[in-house]
C-alpha atoms as a PDB file:
ATOM      1  CA  MET A   1       0.000   0.000   0.000  1.00  0.00           C
ATOM      2  CA  LYS A   2       1.402   3.369  -1.017  1.00  0.00           C
ATOM      3  CA  THR A   3       0.929   6.073   1.578  1.00  0.00           C
ATOM      4  CA  VAL A   4       2.308   9.396   2.732  1.00  0.00           C
ATOM      5  CA  GLY A   5       3.441  10.765   6.047  1.00  0.00           C
ATOM      6  CA  TYR A   6       5.800  13.251   7.643  1.00  0.00           C
ATOM      7  CA  ALA A   7       9.311  11.984   8.390  1.00  0.00           C
ATOM      8  CA  ALA A   8      12.566  13.093   9.956  1.00  0.00           C
ATOM      9  CA  HIS A   9      15.548  12.271   7.751  1.00  0.00           C
ATOM     10  CA  ASP A  10      18.219  13.326  10.232  1.00  0.00           C
ATOM     11  CA  SER A  11      18.437  14.924  13.660  1.00  0.00           C
ATOM     12  CA  GLU A  12      18.978  18.464  12.397  1.00  0.00           C
ATOM     13  CA  LYS A  13      16.214  18.913   9.826  1.00  0.00           C
ATOM     14  CA  PRO A  14      12.481  19.524  10.339  1.00  0.00           C
ATOM     15  CA  LEU A  15       9.949  16.837   9.477  1.00  0.00           C
ATOM     16  CA  GLU A  16       8.780  16.904   5.867  1.00  0.00           C
ATOM     17  CA  PRO A  17       6.371  14.994   3.607  1.00  0.00           C
ATOM     18  CA  TYR A  18       7.508  11.439   2.894  1.00  0.00           C
ATOM     19  CA  HIS A  19       6.000   8.954   0.446  1.00  0.00           C
ATOM     20  CA  PHE A  20       6.526   5.298   1.294  1.00  0.00           C
ATOM     21  CA  GLU A  21       4.869   1.875   1.202  1.00  0.00           C
ATOM     22  CA  ARG A  22       3.192  -0.123   3.929  1.00  0.00           C
ATOM     23  CA  ARG A  23       3.691  -3.875   3.819  1.00  0.00           C
ATOM     24  CA  ALA A  24       1.295  -6.138   1.954  1.00  0.00           C
ATOM     25  CA  LEU A  25      -1.404  -7.548   4.215  1.00  0.00           C
ATOM     26  CA  ARG A  26      -0.424 -10.761   6.004  1.00  0.00           C
ATOM     27  CA  ASP A  27      -3.069 -13.229   7.195  1.00  0.00           C
ATOM     28  CA  GLU A  28      -3.086 -11.780  10.725  1.00  0.00           C
ATOM     29  CA  ASP A  29      -2.876  -8.109   9.694  1.00  0.00           C
ATOM     30  CA  VAL A  30      -5.276  -5.202   9.968  1.00  0.00           C
ATOM     31  CA  SER A  31      -4.988  -2.279   7.547  1.00  0.00           C
ATOM     32  CA  ILE A  32      -6.023   1.014   9.131  1.00  0.00           C
ATOM     33  CA  GLU A  33      -6.810   4.488   7.827  1.00  0.00           C
ATOM     34  CA  ILE A  34      -5.376   6.855  10.432  1.00  0.00           C
ATOM     35  CA  LEU A  35      -7.812   9.553  11.500  1.00  0.00           C
ATOM     36  CA  TYR A  36      -5.922  11.137  14.405  1.00  0.00           C
ATOM     37  CA  CYS A  37      -2.463  10.839  15.931  1.00  0.00           C
ATOM     38  CA  GLY A  38      -1.272  12.302  19.212  1.00  0.00           C
ATOM     39  CA  VAL A  39       2.082  14.056  19.501  1.00  0.00           C
ATOM     40  CA  CYS A  40       4.250  12.567  22.239  1.00  0.00           C
ATOM     41  CA  HIS A  41       7.489  13.939  23.696  1.00  0.00           C
ATOM     42  CA  SER A  42       9.037  10.627  22.602  1.00  0.00           C
ATOM     43  CA  ASP A  43       8.292  11.600  18.991  1.00  0.00           C
ATOM     44  CA  LEU A  44      10.441  14.698  19.405  1.00  0.00           C
ATOM     45  CA  HIS A  45      13.223  12.814  21.189  1.00  0.00           C
ATOM     46  CA  THR A  46      13.263  10.193  18.435  1.00  0.00           C
ATOM     47  CA  ALA A  47      13.154  12.679  15.556  1.00  0.00           C
ATOM     48  CA  GLU A  48      16.162  14.482  17.039  1.00  0.00           C
ATOM     49  CA  ASN A  49      17.939  11.254  18.095  1.00  0.00           C
ATOM     50  CA  ASP A  50      18.203  12.409  21.703  1.00  0.00           C
ATOM     51  CA  TRP A  51      18.438   8.807  22.888  1.00  0.00           C
ATOM     52  CA  GLY A  52      20.979   7.716  20.282  1.00  0.00           C
ATOM     53  CA  TRP A  53      19.083   4.836  18.681  1.00  0.00           C
ATOM     54  CA  THR A  54      16.969   6.498  15.975  1.00  0.00           C
ATOM     55  CA  GLN A  55      17.087   4.915  12.530  1.00  0.00           C
ATOM     56  CA  TYR A  56      16.254   7.284   9.681  1.00  0.00           C
ATOM     57  CA  PRO A  57      14.045   8.045   7.917  1.00  0.00           C
ATOM     58  CA  VAL A  58      11.535   7.880  10.756  1.00  0.00           C
ATOM     59  CA  VAL A  59       7.816   8.639  10.700  1.00  0.00           C
ATOM     60  CA  PRO A  60       6.958   9.244  14.390  1.00  0.00           C
ATOM     61  CA  GLY A  61       3.602   8.779  16.100  1.00  0.00           C
ATOM     62  CA  HIS A  62       2.386   6.062  18.490  1.00  0.00           C
ATOM     63  CA  GLU A  63      -0.940   7.459  19.662  1.00  0.00           C
ATOM     64  CA  ILE A  64      -3.031   6.324  16.709  1.00  0.00           C
ATOM     65  CA  VAL A  65      -6.789   6.282  16.205  1.00  0.00           C
ATOM     66  CA  GLY A  66      -8.282   5.116  12.951  1.00  0.00           C
ATOM     67  CA  ARG A  67     -10.739   2.979  11.034  1.00  0.00           C
ATOM     68  CA  VAL A  68     -10.266  -0.518   9.621  1.00  0.00           C
ATOM     69  CA  LEU A  69      -9.887  -0.566   5.839  1.00  0.00           C
ATOM     70  CA  GLU A  70      -9.075  -4.230   5.265  1.00  0.00           C
ATOM     71  CA  VAL A  71      -8.278  -7.378   7.264  1.00  0.00           C
ATOM     72  CA  GLY A  72      -6.197 -10.467   6.577  1.00  0.00           C
ATOM     73  CA  SER A  73      -7.778 -13.884   6.141  1.00  0.00           C
ATOM     74  CA  GLY A  74      -6.894 -14.949   9.695  1.00  0.00           C
ATOM     75  CA  VAL A  75      -8.274 -11.882  11.507  1.00  0.00           C
ATOM     76  CA  THR A  76     -11.247 -12.601  13.773  1.00  0.00           C
ATOM     77  CA  LYS A  77     -11.557  -9.611  16.130  1.00  0.00           C
ATOM     78  CA  TYR A  78     -11.998  -6.763  13.657  1.00  0.00           C
ATOM     79  CA  LYS A  79     -13.945  -6.000  10.508  1.00  0.00           C
ATOM     80  CA  VAL A  80     -13.915  -3.233   7.924  1.00  0.00           C
ATOM     81  CA  GLY A  81     -15.277   0.001   9.368  1.00  0.00           C
ATOM     82  CA  ASP A  82     -14.401  -0.676  13.023  1.00  0.00           C
ATOM     83  CA  ASN A  83     -12.926   2.183  15.052  1.00  0.00           C
ATOM     84  CA  VAL A  84      -9.555   1.022  16.339  1.00  0.00           C
ATOM     85  CA  ALA A  85      -6.368   2.268  17.938  1.00  0.00           C
ATOM     86  CA  VAL A  86      -2.656   1.459  17.951  1.00  0.00           C
ATOM     87  CA  GLY A  87      -0.254   2.401  20.719  1.00  0.00           C
ATOM     88  CA  CYS A  88       3.478   2.150  21.271  1.00  0.00           C
ATOM     89  CA  MET A  89       3.974  -1.455  20.097  1.00  0.00           C
ATOM     90  CA  VAL A  90       3.116  -3.309  16.913  1.00  0.00           C
ATOM     91  CA  ASP A  91       4.617  -6.755  17.599  1.00  0.00           C
ATOM     92  CA  SER A  92       6.477  -9.029  20.025  1.00  0.00           C
ATOM     93  CA  CYS A  93       7.404 -12.721  20.138  1.00  0.00           C
ATOM     94  CA  LEU A  94       4.074 -13.588  21.854  1.00  0.00           C
ATOM     95  CA  SER A  95       5.673 -16.749  23.256  1.00  0.00           C
ATOM     96  CA  CYS A  96       7.944 -15.728  26.144  1.00  0.00           C
ATOM     97  CA  ASP A  97       6.876 -15.544  29.790  1.00  0.00           C
ATOM     98  CA  GLN A  98       6.359 -11.779  29.668  1.00  0.00           C
ATOM     99  CA  CYS A  99       4.187 -11.931  26.562  1.00  0.00           C
ATOM    100  CA  HIS A 100       2.162 -14.729  28.176  1.00  0.00           C
ATOM    101  CA  HIS A 101       1.714 -12.496  31.240  1.00  0.00           C
ATOM    102  CA  GLY A 102       0.338  -9.679  29.081  1.00  0.00           C
ATOM    103  CA  GLU A 103       3.528  -7.635  29.444  1.00  0.00           C
ATOM    104  CA  GLU A 104       4.516  -7.460  25.776  1.00  0.00           C
ATOM    105  CA  GLN A 105       6.450  -4.260  26.437  1.00  0.00           C
ATOM    106  CA  PHE A 106       8.964  -6.434  28.321  1.00  0.00           C
ATOM    107  CA  CYS A 107       9.145  -9.177  25.667  1.00  0.00           C
ATOM    108  CA  ARG A 108      12.323 -11.199  26.195  1.00  0.00           C
ATOM    109  CA  GLU A 109      13.121 -10.871  22.491  1.00  0.00           C
ATOM    110  CA  GLY A 110      12.280  -7.168  22.482  1.00  0.00           C
ATOM    111  CA  MET A 111       9.012  -5.555  21.548  1.00  0.00           C
ATOM    112  CA  VAL A 112       8.700  -3.962  18.124  1.00  0.00           C
ATOM    113  CA  GLY A 113       8.075  -0.250  18.482  1.00  0.00           C
ATOM    114  CA  THR A 114       5.442   1.422  16.350  1.00  0.00           C
ATOM    115  CA  TYR A 115       8.198   3.510  14.783  1.00  0.00           C
ATOM    116  CA  SER A 116      11.969   3.159  14.480  1.00  0.00           C
ATOM    117  CA  GLY A 117      11.582  -0.542  15.253  1.00  0.00           C
ATOM    118  CA  GLN A 118      12.377  -3.551  13.101  1.00  0.00           C
ATOM    119  CA  ASP A 119       9.691  -5.762  11.602  1.00  0.00           C
ATOM    120  CA  ARG A 120      10.142  -9.282  12.977  1.00  0.00           C
ATOM    121  CA  ILE A 121       9.576 -10.913   9.581  1.00  0.00           C
ATOM    122  CA  SER A 122      10.889  -8.556   6.899  1.00  0.00           C
ATOM    123  CA  GLY A 123      13.440  -6.612   8.949  1.00  0.00           C
ATOM    124  CA  GLU A 124      12.068  -3.354   7.573  1.00  0.00           C
ATOM    125  CA  LEU A 125      11.926  -0.237   9.735  1.00  0.00           C
ATOM    126  CA  THR A 126       8.535   0.359  11.287  1.00  0.00           C
ATOM    127  CA  GLN A 127       6.955   3.740  10.612  1.00  0.00           C
ATOM    128  CA  GLY A 128       4.430   5.428  12.870  1.00  0.00           C
ATOM    129  CA  GLY A 129       1.214   7.363  12.880  1.00  0.00           C
ATOM    130  CA  TYR A 130       2.171  10.676  11.283  1.00  0.00           C
ATOM    131  CA  SER A 131       0.801   9.092   8.108  1.00  0.00           C
ATOM    132  CA  LYS A 132      -2.411   8.223   6.301  1.00  0.00           C
ATOM    133  CA  HIS A 133      -2.303   4.449   6.810  1.00  0.00           C
ATOM    134  CA  ILE A 134      -0.735   1.739   8.941  1.00  0.00           C
ATOM    135  CA  VAL A 135      -0.717  -2.064   8.867  1.00  0.00           C
ATOM    136  CA  VAL A 136      -0.556  -3.864  12.229  1.00  0.00           C
ATOM    137  CA  ARG A 137      -0.986  -7.470  13.319  1.00  0.00           C
ATOM    138  CA  GLU A 138      -4.322  -8.121  14.979  1.00  0.00           C
ATOM    139  CA  GLU A 139      -2.948  -8.812  18.460  1.00  0.00           C
ATOM    140  CA  PHE A 140      -1.632  -5.230  18.696  1.00  0.00           C
ATOM    141  CA  VAL A 141      -4.777  -3.478  17.490  1.00  0.00           C
ATOM    142  CA  LEU A 142      -7.103  -2.073  20.159  1.00  0.00           C
ATOM    143  CA  SER A 143     -10.836  -1.404  20.132  1.00  0.00           C
ATOM    144  CA  VAL A 144     -12.031   2.148  20.707  1.00  0.00           C
ATOM    145  CA  PRO A 145     -15.007   1.884  23.082  1.00  0.00           C
ATOM    146  CA  GLU A 146     -18.323   3.493  22.270  1.00  0.00           C
ATOM    147  CA  GLY A 147     -18.515   6.946  23.787  1.00  0.00           C
ATOM    148  CA  LEU A 148     -14.836   7.875  23.489  1.00  0.00           C
ATOM    149  CA  ASP A 149     -14.354  10.938  21.277  1.00  0.00           C
ATOM    150  CA  LEU A 150     -12.182   9.755  18.382  1.00  0.00           C
ATOM    151  CA  ALA A 151     -10.685  13.226  17.987  1.00  0.00           C
ATOM    152  CA  LYS A 152      -9.554  13.435  21.622  1.00  0.00           C
ATOM    153  CA  CYS A 153      -8.734   9.927  22.807  1.00  0.00           C
ATOM    154  CA  ALA A 154      -5.440   9.327  20.940  1.00  0.00           C
ATOM    155  CA  PRO A 155      -3.159  10.416  23.845  1.00  0.00           C
ATOM    156  CA  ILE A 156      -4.608   7.625  25.984  1.00  0.00           C
ATOM    157  CA  LEU A 157      -2.491   5.251  23.846  1.00  0.00           C
ATOM    158  CA  CYS A 158       0.731   6.569  25.403  1.00  0.00           C
ATOM    159  CA  ALA A 159       0.153   9.273  28.019  1.00  0.00           C
ATOM    160  CA  GLY A 160      -2.801   7.322  29.387  1.00  0.00           C
ATOM    161  CA  ILE A 161      -1.256   3.866  29.598  1.00  0.00           C
ATOM    162  CA  THR A 162       2.114   5.248  30.772  1.00  0.00           C
ATOM    163  CA  THR A 163       0.483   6.696  33.881  1.00  0.00           C
ATOM    164  CA  TYR A 164      -2.271   4.094  34.350  1.00  0.00           C
ATOM    165  CA  SER A 165       0.123   1.141  34.450  1.00  0.00           C
ATOM    166  CA  PRO A 166       2.146   2.236  37.526  1.00  0.00           C
ATOM    167  CA  LEU A 167      -1.038   3.299  39.310  1.00  0.00           C
ATOM    168  CA  ARG A 168      -2.311  -0.254  38.807  1.00  0.00           C
ATOM    169  CA  THR A 169       1.045  -1.857  39.648  1.00  0.00           C
ATOM    170  CA  TRP A 170       1.223  -0.010  42.975  1.00  0.00           C
ATOM    171  CA  ASN A 171      -2.428  -0.782  43.756  1.00  0.00           C
ATOM    172  CA  VAL A 172      -3.765   2.750  43.818  1.00  0.00           C
ATOM    173  CA  GLY A 173      -7.410   2.899  44.837  1.00  0.00           C
ATOM    174  CA  PRO A 174      -9.828   4.648  47.200  1.00  0.00           C
ATOM    175  CA  GLY A 175      -7.904   6.438  49.921  1.00  0.00           C
ATOM    176  CA  SER A 176      -4.491   6.143  48.279  1.00  0.00           C
ATOM    177  CA  ARG A 177      -2.373   9.272  48.570  1.00  0.00           C
ATOM    178  CA  VAL A 178      -0.919  10.078  45.168  1.00  0.00           C
ATOM    179  CA  GLY A 179       1.409  12.878  44.103  1.00  0.00           C
ATOM    180  CA  VAL A 180       1.923  13.802  40.464  1.00  0.00           C
ATOM    181  CA  ILE A 181       5.049  15.728  39.481  1.00  0.00           C
ATOM    182  CA  GLY A 182       4.842  17.623  36.200  1.00  0.00           C
ATOM    183  CA  LEU A 183       1.578  18.842  34.723  1.00  0.00           C
ATOM    184  CA  GLY A 184       2.001  18.314  30.991  1.00  0.00           C
ATOM    185  CA  GLY A 185       0.639  15.572  28.754  1.00  0.00           C
ATOM    186  CA  LEU A 186       1.521  12.732  31.118  1.00  0.00           C
ATOM    187  CA  GLY A 187       0.865  14.615  34.343  1.00  0.00           C
ATOM    188  CA  HIS A 188      -2.635  15.798  33.597  1.00  0.00           C
ATOM    189  CA  MET A 189      -3.646  12.259  32.608  1.00  0.00           C
ATOM    190  CA  ALA A 190      -2.125  10.841  35.794  1.00  0.00           C
ATOM    191  CA  ILE A 191      -4.233  13.249  37.852  1.00  0.00           C
ATOM    192  CA  LYS A 192      -7.457  12.422  36.022  1.00  0.00           C
ATOM    193  CA  ILE A 193      -6.899   8.664  36.183  1.00  0.00           C
ATOM    194  CA  ALA A 194      -5.784   8.530  39.831  1.00  0.00           C
ATOM    195  CA  ALA A 195      -8.734  10.706  40.868  1.00  0.00           C
ATOM    196  CA  ALA A 196     -11.124   8.386  39.017  1.00  0.00           C
ATOM    197  CA  MET A 197      -9.596   5.474  40.951  1.00  0.00           C
ATOM    198  CA  GLY A 198     -10.658   7.185  44.170  1.00  0.00           C
ATOM    199  CA  ALA A 199      -7.219   8.418  45.234  1.00  0.00           C
ATOM    200  CA  ASN A 200      -6.484  11.675  47.024  1.00  0.00           C
ATOM    201  CA  VAL A 201      -4.332  13.402  44.418  1.00  0.00           C
ATOM    202  CA  THR A 202      -1.926  16.284  44.893  1.00  0.00           C
ATOM    203  CA  ALA A 203      -0.278  17.945  41.909  1.00  0.00           C
ATOM    204  CA  ILE A 204       3.360  18.965  42.412  1.00  0.00           C
ATOM    205  CA  SER A 205       4.724  21.859  40.368  1.00  0.00           C
ATOM    206  CA  ARG A 206       7.329  24.606  40.508  1.00  0.00           C
ATOM    207  CA  SER A 207       4.632  27.291  40.791  1.00  0.00           C
ATOM    208  CA  ASP A 208       0.950  27.555  41.588  1.00  0.00           C
ATOM    209  CA  LYS A 209      -0.114  29.077  38.267  1.00  0.00           C
ATOM    210  CA  LYS A 210      -1.844  25.848  37.158  1.00  0.00           C
ATOM    211  CA  LYS A 211      -3.725  25.328  40.429  1.00  0.00           C
ATOM    212  CA  GLN A 212      -7.200  25.890  39.025  1.00  0.00           C
ATOM    213  CA  GLN A 213      -6.442  23.580  36.107  1.00  0.00           C
ATOM    214  CA  VAL A 214      -5.298  20.699  38.285  1.00  0.00           C
ATOM    215  CA  LEU A 215      -8.260  21.110  40.616  1.00  0.00           C
ATOM    216  CA  SER A 216     -10.538  20.819  37.592  1.00  0.00           C
ATOM    217  CA  TYR A 217      -8.759  17.554  36.674  1.00  0.00           C
ATOM    218  CA  GLY A 218      -9.580  16.074  40.095  1.00  0.00           C
ATOM    219  CA  ALA A 219      -6.569  17.000  42.238  1.00  0.00           C
ATOM    220  CA  LYS A 220      -7.307  18.019  45.824  1.00  0.00           C
ATOM    221  CA  ASP A 221      -4.395  20.454  46.048  1.00  0.00           C
ATOM    222  CA  LEU A 222      -1.221  21.722  44.394  1.00  0.00           C
ATOM    223  CA  LEU A 223       2.117  21.559  46.213  1.00  0.00           C
ATOM    224  CA  VAL A 224       4.692  24.141  45.080  1.00  0.00           C
ATOM    225  CA  SER A 225       8.018  22.304  44.977  1.00  0.00           C
ATOM    226  CA  SER A 226      10.038  25.532  45.156  1.00  0.00           C
ATOM    227  CA  ASP A 227       8.450  26.344  48.545  1.00  0.00           C
ATOM    228  CA  GLU A 228      10.746  24.641  51.066  1.00  0.00           C
ATOM    229  CA  ALA A 229       8.352  25.087  53.969  1.00  0.00           C
ATOM    230  CA  ALA A 230       5.486  23.547  52.003  1.00  0.00           C
ATOM    231  CA  MET A 231       7.683  20.630  50.960  1.00  0.00           C
ATOM    232  CA  GLN A 232       8.672  19.986  54.578  1.00  0.00           C
ATOM    233  CA  ALA A 233       5.039  20.178  55.653  1.00  0.00           C
ATOM    234  CA  HIS A 234       4.204  17.443  53.126  1.00  0.00           C
ATOM    235  CA  ALA A 235       6.882  14.999  54.348  1.00  0.00           C
ATOM    236  CA  ASN A 236       5.622  11.407  54.636  1.00  0.00           C
ATOM    237  CA  GLN A 237       2.322  12.331  52.973  1.00  0.00           C
ATOM    238  CA  PHE A 238       2.261  10.118  49.856  1.00  0.00           C
ATOM    239  CA  ASP A 239       2.034   6.412  49.112  1.00  0.00           C
ATOM    240  CA  VAL A 240       2.905   6.817  45.435  1.00  0.00           C
ATOM    241  CA  ILE A 241       4.379   9.675  43.436  1.00  0.00           C
ATOM    242  CA  ILE A 242       4.197   9.594  39.630  1.00  0.00           C
ATOM    243  CA  ASN A 243       7.123  11.634  38.278  1.00  0.00           C
ATOM    244  CA  THR A 244       6.406  12.702  34.695  1.00  0.00           C
ATOM    245  CA  ILE A 245       9.266  15.191  34.175  1.00  0.00           C
ATOM    246  CA  PRO A 246      10.675  14.338  30.705  1.00  0.00           C
ATOM    247  CA  VAL A 247      14.239  15.667  31.120  1.00  0.00           C
ATOM    248  CA  LYS A 248      17.182  15.019  33.413  1.00  0.00           C
ATOM    249  CA  HIS A 249      16.436  16.402  36.872  1.00  0.00           C
ATOM    250  CA  ASP A 250      17.089  15.846  40.556  1.00  0.00           C
ATOM    251  CA  PHE A 251      14.342  13.570  41.893  1.00  0.00           C
ATOM    252  CA  THR A 252      15.868  13.414  45.414  1.00  0.00           C
ATOM    253  CA  PRO A 253      13.863  16.328  46.925  1.00  0.00           C
ATOM    254  CA  TYR A 254      10.637  14.425  46.263  1.00  0.00           C
ATOM    255  CA  ILE A 255      11.694  11.260  48.107  1.00  0.00           C
ATOM    256  CA  PRO A 256      10.986  12.589  51.661  1.00  0.00           C
ATOM    257  CA  LEU A 257       7.411  13.297  50.561  1.00  0.00           C
ATOM    258  CA  LEU A 258       6.843   9.527  50.510  1.00  0.00           C
ATOM    259  CA  ASP A 259       5.575   7.685  53.555  1.00  0.00           C
ATOM    260  CA  ILE A 260       7.233   4.478  54.773  1.00  0.00           C
ATOM    261  CA  ASP A 261       7.420   1.972  51.887  1.00  0.00           C
ATOM    262  CA  GLY A 262       6.311   4.666  49.436  1.00  0.00           C
ATOM    263  CA  THR A 263       7.387   4.642  45.794  1.00  0.00           C
ATOM    264  CA  GLN A 264       8.337   7.398  43.381  1.00  0.00           C
ATOM    265  CA  VAL A 265       7.834   6.113  39.829  1.00  0.00           C
ATOM    266  CA  LEU A 266       9.772   7.707  36.972  1.00  0.00           C
ATOM    267  CA  VAL A 267       7.749   7.616  33.749  1.00  0.00           C
ATOM    268  CA  GLY A 268       8.929  10.708  31.870  1.00  0.00           C
ATOM    269  CA  GLN A 269      12.709  10.794  31.731  1.00  0.00           C
ATOM    270  CA  VAL A 270      14.644   8.351  29.573  1.00  0.00           C
ATOM    271  CA  GLY A 271      18.408   8.325  29.991  1.00  0.00           C
ATOM    272  CA  GLU A 272      21.075   9.355  32.473  1.00  0.00           C
ATOM    273  CA  LEU A 273      19.857  10.159  35.972  1.00  0.00           C
ATOM    274  CA  ALA A 274      21.023  13.031  38.131  1.00  0.00           C
ATOM    275  CA  GLU A 275      23.148  12.106  41.135  1.00  0.00           C
ATOM    276  CA  SER A 276      20.965  11.226  44.105  1.00  0.00           C
ATOM    277  CA  ASN A 277      21.299  10.528  47.825  1.00  0.00           C
ATOM    278  CA  SER A 278      20.394   7.245  49.496  1.00  0.00           C
ATOM    279  CA  VAL A 279      19.605   8.682  52.942  1.00  0.00           C
ATOM    280  CA  PRO A 280      15.894   9.442  52.370  1.00  0.00           C
ATOM    281  CA  LEU A 281      15.513   6.006  50.774  1.00  0.00           C
ATOM    282  CA  LEU A 282      17.102   4.196  53.703  1.00  0.00           C
ATOM    283  CA  MET A 283      15.289   6.195  56.351  1.00  0.00           C
ATOM    284  CA  GLY A 284      11.847   5.257  55.104  1.00  0.00           C
ATOM    285  CA  ARG A 285      12.336   2.023  53.149  1.00  0.00           C
ATOM    286  CA  ARG A 286      11.302   4.135  50.196  1.00  0.00           C
ATOM    287  CA  ARG A 287      11.783   3.265  46.537  1.00  0.00           C
ATOM    288  CA  VAL A 288      12.464   4.960  43.216  1.00  0.00           C
ATOM    289  CA  ALA A 289      11.208   2.813  40.354  1.00  0.00           C
ATOM    290  CA  GLY A 290      10.586   3.087  36.638  1.00  0.00           C
ATOM    291  CA  SER A 291       7.665   2.036  34.480  1.00  0.00           C
ATOM    292  CA  LEU A 292       7.334   1.595  30.707  1.00  0.00           C
ATOM    293  CA  ILE A 293       3.891   1.915  29.102  1.00  0.00           C
ATOM    294  CA  GLY A 294       1.820  -1.260  29.657  1.00  0.00           C
ATOM    295  CA  GLY A 295       0.811  -4.461  27.897  1.00  0.00           C
ATOM    296  CA  ILE A 296      -1.870  -4.726  25.233  1.00  0.00           C
ATOM    297  CA  ALA A 297      -4.546  -6.023  27.619  1.00  0.00           C
ATOM    298  CA  GLN A 298      -3.826  -3.206  30.060  1.00  0.00           C
ATOM    299  CA  THR A 299      -3.899  -0.654  27.236  1.00  0.00           C
ATOM    300  CA  GLN A 300      -7.356  -1.894  26.290  1.00  0.00           C
ATOM    301  CA  GLU A 301      -8.233  -1.672  29.975  1.00  0.00           C
ATOM    302  CA  ILE A 302      -7.315   2.017  30.179  1.00  0.00           C
ATOM    303  CA  LEU A 303      -9.317   2.785  27.030  1.00  0.00           C
ATOM    304  CA  ASP A 304     -12.340   1.091  28.610  1.00  0.00           C
ATOM    305  CA  PHE A 305     -11.662   2.808  31.957  1.00  0.00           C
ATOM    306  CA  CYS A 306     -11.569   6.227  30.301  1.00  0.00           C
ATOM    307  CA  ALA A 307     -14.814   5.508  28.471  1.00  0.00           C
ATOM    308  CA  LEU A 308     -16.468   4.361  31.715  1.00  0.00           C
ATOM    309  CA  HIS A 309     -15.336   7.420  33.684  1.00  0.00           C
ATOM    310  CA  ASN A 310     -15.646   9.927  30.833  1.00  0.00           C
ATOM    311  CA  ILE A 311     -11.931  10.758  30.959  1.00  0.00           C
ATOM    312  CA  LEU A 312     -10.440  12.519  27.950  1.00  0.00           C
ATOM    313  CA  PRO A 313      -7.050  14.187  27.544  1.00  0.00           C
ATOM    314  CA  GLU A 314      -6.832  17.942  27.181  1.00  0.00           C
ATOM    315  CA  VAL A 315      -5.952  18.326  23.509  1.00  0.00           C
ATOM    316  CA  GLU A 316      -5.059  20.978  20.970  1.00  0.00           C
ATOM    317  CA  MET A 317      -5.893  19.929  17.414  1.00  0.00           C
ATOM    318  CA  ILE A 318      -3.327  20.757  14.733  1.00  0.00           C
ATOM    319  CA  LYS A 319      -2.828  20.112  11.044  1.00  0.00           C
ATOM    320  CA  MET A 320      -0.054  17.842   9.809  1.00  0.00           C
ATOM    321  CA  ASP A 321       1.982  20.726   8.386  1.00  0.00           C
ATOM    322  CA  GLN A 322       2.054  22.349  11.852  1.00  0.00           C
ATOM    323  CA  ILE A 323       4.071  19.514  13.385  1.00  0.00           C
ATOM    324  CA  ASN A 324       7.394  21.363  13.423  1.00  0.00           C
ATOM    325  CA  ASP A 325       5.828  24.307  15.249  1.00  0.00           C
ATOM    326  CA  ALA A 326       4.322  21.831  17.710  1.00  0.00           C
ATOM    327  CA  PHE A 327       7.764  20.314  18.294  1.00  0.00           C
ATOM    328  CA  ASP A 328       9.147  23.789  19.007  1.00  0.00           C
ATOM    329  CA  LYS A 329       6.450  24.332  21.633  1.00  0.00           C
ATOM    330  CA  LEU A 330       7.215  20.936  23.190  1.00  0.00           C
ATOM    331  CA  LYS A 331      10.862  21.964  23.548  1.00  0.00           C
ATOM    332  CA  GLN A 332       9.777  25.066  25.457  1.00  0.00           C
ATOM    333  CA  GLY A 333       7.877  22.853  27.910  1.00  0.00           C
ATOM    334  CA  ASP A 334       5.029  24.000  30.121  1.00  0.00           C
ATOM    335  CA  MET A 335       2.401  22.291  27.966  1.00  0.00           C
ATOM    336  CA  ALA A 336      -0.800  21.586  29.878  1.00  0.00           C
ATOM    337  CA  SER A 337      -2.344  19.639  27.004  1.00  0.00           C
ATOM    338  CA  ARG A 338      -1.479  17.229  24.215  1.00  0.00           C
ATOM    339  CA  PHE A 339      -1.245  18.041  20.519  1.00  0.00           C
ATOM    340  CA  VAL A 340      -3.329  15.796  18.278  1.00  0.00           C
ATOM    341  CA  ILE A 341      -2.918  15.787  14.497  1.00  0.00           C
ATOM    342  CA  ASP A 342      -6.047  15.696  12.354  1.00  0.00           C
ATOM    343  CA  MET A 343      -4.808  13.366   9.630  1.00  0.00           C
ATOM    344  CA  SER A 344      -7.470  14.545   7.180  1.00  0.00           C
ATOM    345  CA  SER A 345      -5.206  17.589   6.815  1.00  0.00           C
ATOM    346  CA  LEU A 346      -2.493  15.439   5.215  1.00  0.00           C
ATOM    347  CA  GLU A 347      -2.805  15.460   1.444  1.00  0.00           C
ATOM    348  CA  VAL A 348      -2.163  12.127  -0.276  1.00  0.00           C
END
């Protein structure tokens, strides 16, 4: 299938139109017309090779919502016309212990990323959702529940599952005390999801200028991290802290906020950590952990959860040719919403 997208060809140049071919349909494949694609900070990092493993050309995008165009002869779950979604993975071995546990993101042979990955059969580079079409094996296609706004739900496929998974792993529920550091695309979803789980949620930010926003998302309060007295007053007050800051930073000042056996989960930063101090860990049997997206079953679970609780990301709709401006705004930080590309704006 011939299609078109926007691709980065090296780390220094802006994204530009790119014509390429999707693979021919295999028996287990679903061909999808992409309607909307969210813009993730990972897209920017990959386009600019910040992590050192980008393979060019790369078409970013792993928050994909679309409609089924065609299915392979072995597909049983989907039919032409179904509203579907694709997240951060498009394949794995499906036979190792982690895949059997529904943790395909930790596949022992390595998951295949939606973009800048390597097709397990052909070896071709995978290309993502900044395009008109995508072909994905059935096991990695998700159903969009009735009631979810197709134009707004795309960020659930990364920002949603990235924050939902650690909340589930650390058993957040009614009465849990949850802090959320960073109030961008990941942070605002963490607040909404944790609040819907029944947790008492406190947003943590460098200033209080977003206080009304976070209260509207379901947070009970906003803690200003630059206020030393306020930070001391909140010592031992949290069971779980979701840290969504996407760049290298010192996470040590947040550790004393945790109660005994509390956990700070890093979900935003990828790469070298700032030097830390073990004292606040030792003195409270506290932990700093990491979490990477979630499995396919859990990703379907968060889509269903958001539909049930009427949770939608805060989004700003853009056209495909505005992607480089959107990347510039991401670099500046301080985004309280998620860009979503209307793929009808991309000319074939």
